[in-house]
C-alpha atoms as a PDB file:
ATOM      1  CA  UNK A   1    -184.098  -0.650 271.317  1.00  0.00           C
ATOM      2  CA  UNK A   2    -180.562   0.679 269.978  1.00  0.00           C
ATOM      3  CA  UNK A   3    -180.145   3.651 271.926  1.00  0.00           C
ATOM      4  CA  UNK A   4    -177.345   6.490 270.065  1.00  0.00           C
ATOM      5  CA  UNK A   5    -175.684   9.301 271.756  1.00  0.00           C
ATOM      6  CA  UNK A   6    -174.040  12.530 269.758  1.00  0.00           C
ATOM      7  CA  UNK A   7    -172.343  15.183 272.336  1.00  0.00           C
ATOM      8  CA  UNK A   8    -168.575  16.798 271.677  1.00  0.00           C
ATOM      9  CA  UNK A   9    -168.772  17.104 275.873  1.00  0.00           C
ATOM     10  CA  UNK A  10    -171.761  15.956 278.298  1.00  0.00           C
ATOM     11  CA  UNK A  11    -172.017  12.379 278.697  1.00  0.00           C
ATOM     12  CA  UNK A  12    -174.699  10.323 278.461  1.00  0.00           C
ATOM     13  CA  UNK A  13    -177.209  10.177 282.467  1.00  0.00           C
ATOM     14  CA  UNK A  14    -178.255   6.137 281.662  1.00  0.00           C
ATOM     15  CA  UNK A  15    -177.058   3.114 279.566  1.00  0.00           C
ATOM     16  CA  UNK A  16    -176.029   3.949 276.218  1.00  0.00           C
ATOM     17  CA  UNK A  17    -173.266   4.223 273.516  1.00  0.00           C
ATOM     18  CA  UNK A  18    -172.187   7.297 273.131  1.00  0.00           C
ATOM     19  CA  UNK A  19    -169.907   8.501 269.519  1.00  0.00           C
ATOM     20  CA  UNK A  20    -168.992  11.595 268.886  1.00  0.00           C
ATOM     21  CA  UNK A  21    -169.189  12.197 265.846  1.00  0.00           C
ATOM     22  CA  UNK A  22    -171.327  11.835 263.281  1.00  0.00           C
ATOM     23  CA  UNK A  23    -169.679   9.213 260.888  1.00  0.00           C
ATOM     24  CA  UNK A  24    -168.987   6.818 263.991  1.00  0.00           C
ATOM     25  CA  UNK A  25    -172.402   6.856 264.785  1.00  0.00           C
ATOM     26  CA  UNK A  26    -173.232   6.308 261.270  1.00  0.00           C
ATOM     27  CA  UNK A  27    -171.148   3.147 261.056  1.00  0.00           C
ATOM     28  CA  UNK A  28    -172.217   2.223 263.599  1.00  0.00           C
ATOM     29  CA  UNK A  29    -176.322   2.696 262.960  1.00  0.00           C
ATOM     30  CA  UNK A  30    -174.874   1.092 258.701  1.00  0.00           C
ATOM     31  CA  UNK A  31    -173.968  -2.467 261.486  1.00  0.00           C
ATOM     32  CA  UNK A  32    -177.099  -2.209 263.531  1.00  0.00           C
ATOM     33  CA  UNK A  33    -180.137  -2.423 260.976  1.00  0.00           C
ATOM     34  CA  UNK A  34    -177.736  -4.650 258.517  1.00  0.00           C
ATOM     35  CA  UNK A  35    -177.863  -6.880 261.117  1.00  0.00           C
ATOM     36  CA  UNK A  36    -181.759  -6.304 261.916  1.00  0.00           C
ATOM     37  CA  UNK A  37    -182.293  -3.583 264.696  1.00  0.00           C
ATOM     38  CA  UNK A  38    -184.939  -1.399 263.043  1.00  0.00           C
ATOM     39  CA  UNK A  39    -185.787   0.662 266.093  1.00  0.00           C
ATOM     40  CA  UNK A  40    -183.441   3.240 267.495  1.00  0.00           C
ATOM     41  CA  UNK A  41    -184.146   6.019 269.567  1.00  0.00           C
ATOM     42  CA  UNK A  42    -181.230   8.974 268.616  1.00  0.00           C
ATOM     43  CA  UNK A  43    -179.963  11.004 272.141  1.00  0.00           C
ATOM     44  CA  UNK A  44    -179.126  14.242 269.280  1.00  0.00           C
ATOM     45  CA  UNK A  45    -176.420  17.629 269.927  1.00  0.00           C
ATOM     46  CA  UNK A  46    -176.784  19.893 266.978  1.00  0.00           C
ATOM     47  CA  UNK A  47    -172.976  21.145 267.503  1.00  0.00           C
ATOM     48  CA  UNK A  48    -169.712  18.769 267.574  1.00  0.00           C
ATOM     49  CA  UNK A  49    -167.368  21.131 268.437  1.00  0.00           C
ATOM     50  CA  UNK A  50    -163.865  19.628 268.296  1.00  0.00           C
ATOM     51  CA  UNK A  51    -165.334  16.751 266.209  1.00  0.00           C
ATOM     52  CA  UNK A  52    -167.588  17.853 263.204  1.00  0.00           C
ATOM     53  CA  UNK A  53    -163.914  17.400 260.897  1.00  0.00           C
ATOM     54  CA  UNK A  54    -165.190  14.390 260.913  1.00  0.00           C
ATOM     55  CA  UNK A  55    -168.957  14.246 259.533  1.00  0.00           C
ATOM     56  CA  UNK A  56    -170.708  17.461 260.216  1.00  0.00           C
ATOM     57  CA  UNK A  57    -173.157  19.003 262.951  1.00  0.00           C
ATOM     58  CA  UNK A  58    -174.856  16.211 264.902  1.00  0.00           C
ATOM     59  CA  UNK A  59    -177.755  17.573 262.811  1.00  0.00           C
ATOM     60  CA  UNK A  60    -176.092  15.728 259.664  1.00  0.00           C
ATOM     61  CA  UNK A  61    -177.052  12.467 260.838  1.00  0.00           C
ATOM     62  CA  UNK A  62    -181.129  13.126 260.664  1.00  0.00           C
ATOM     63  CA  UNK A  63    -179.683  13.833 257.465  1.00  0.00           C
ATOM     64  CA  UNK A  64    -178.026  11.072 256.268  1.00  0.00           C
ATOM     65  CA  UNK A  65    -180.600   8.687 257.510  1.00  0.00           C
ATOM     66  CA  UNK A  66    -183.410  10.432 255.151  1.00  0.00           C
ATOM     67  CA  UNK A  67    -180.839   9.947 252.037  1.00  0.00           C
ATOM     68  CA  UNK A  68    -180.965   6.431 253.039  1.00  0.00           C
ATOM     69  CA  UNK A  69    -183.969   6.577 253.344  1.00  0.00           C
ATOM     70  CA  UNK A  70    -185.434   7.820 249.517  1.00  0.00           C
ATOM     71  CA  UNK A  71    -182.394   5.931 248.607  1.00  0.00           C
ATOM     72  CA  UNK A  72    -184.269   3.560 249.202  1.00  0.00           C
ATOM     73  CA  UNK A  73    -180.969   1.649 251.424  1.00  0.00           C
ATOM     74  CA  UNK A  74    -183.197   1.665 253.926  1.00  0.00           C
ATOM     75  CA  UNK A  75    -187.029  -0.452 253.850  1.00  0.00           C
ATOM     76  CA  UNK A  76    -187.845  -0.132 257.670  1.00  0.00           C
ATOM     77  CA  UNK A  77    -186.269   1.985 260.260  1.00  0.00           C
ATOM     78  CA  UNK A  78    -188.586   4.038 263.370  1.00  0.00           C
ATOM     79  CA  UNK A  79    -186.287   6.657 264.912  1.00  0.00           C
ATOM     80  CA  UNK A  80    -187.507   8.514 268.458  1.00  0.00           C
ATOM     81  CA  UNK A  81    -185.402  11.718 268.127  1.00  0.00           C
ATOM     82  CA  UNK A  82    -184.315  13.189 271.448  1.00  0.00           C
ATOM     83  CA  UNK A  83    -182.552  17.037 271.331  1.00  0.00           C
ATOM     84  CA  UNK A  84    -180.328  17.959 273.811  1.00  0.00           C
ATOM     85  CA  UNK A  85    -178.948  20.743 272.069  1.00  0.00           C
ATOM     86  CA  UNK A  86    -179.362  24.652 273.317  1.00  0.00           C
ATOM     87  CA  UNK A  87    -179.235  26.515 269.861  1.00  0.00           C
ATOM     88  CA  UNK A  88    -182.643  27.063 269.013  1.00  0.00           C
ATOM     89  CA  UNK A  89    -182.384  27.542 265.603  1.00  0.00           C
ATOM     90  CA  UNK A  90    -180.403  24.244 265.032  1.00  0.00           C
ATOM     91  CA  UNK A  91    -183.683  22.586 267.002  1.00  0.00           C
ATOM     92  CA  UNK A  92    -185.402  24.412 264.759  1.00  0.00           C
ATOM     93  CA  UNK A  93    -183.966  22.773 261.450  1.00  0.00           C
ATOM     94  CA  UNK A  94    -184.111  18.731 263.266  1.00  0.00           C
ATOM     95  CA  UNK A  95    -187.599  19.539 263.217  1.00  0.00           C
ATOM     96  CA  UNK A  96    -188.023  20.446 260.535  1.00  0.00           C
ATOM     97  CA  UNK A  97    -186.135  16.962 259.646  1.00  0.00           C
ATOM     98  CA  UNK A  98    -187.694  15.064 261.456  1.00  0.00           C
ATOM     99  CA  UNK A  99    -192.043  16.749 261.307  1.00  0.00           C
ATOM    100  CA  UNK A 100    -190.796  15.907 256.727  1.00  0.00           C
ATOM    101  CA  UNK A 101    -190.032  12.151 257.460  1.00  0.00           C
ATOM    102  CA  UNK A 102    -193.031  11.992 259.961  1.00  0.00           C
ATOM    103  CA  UNK A 103    -193.837   8.543 259.409  1.00  0.00           C
ATOM    104  CA  UNK A 104    -190.486   6.585 261.256  1.00  0.00           C
ATOM    105  CA  UNK A 105    -189.123   9.496 262.990  1.00  0.00           C
ATOM    106  CA  UNK A 106    -190.264  12.257 265.407  1.00  0.00           C
ATOM    107  CA  UNK A 107    -189.588  13.623 268.771  1.00  0.00           C
ATOM    108  CA  UNK A 108    -189.242  12.926 272.261  1.00  0.00           C
END
């Protein structure tokens, strides 16, 4: 399982790789996928703050993965998502993406 943590301010409480930008996290996820890793745990905030100019807010991780799956780039991937955002609307939007992709993406 590959653990990825995205937040512009907070630090993770456990051993995982932290990213501040969507672009950096997506590069890493694509690299790990090409190396044969198919199980990912994403711990996501929503607001990327000062880092939003490098891929947008963190919901874009889910949108990018969804697009990659629908385009055929991702053949098999299991994604567990923990949302640690306090933005109620953003959380609902993230959950909608997870629900739409429930066969390979779930909230934990």
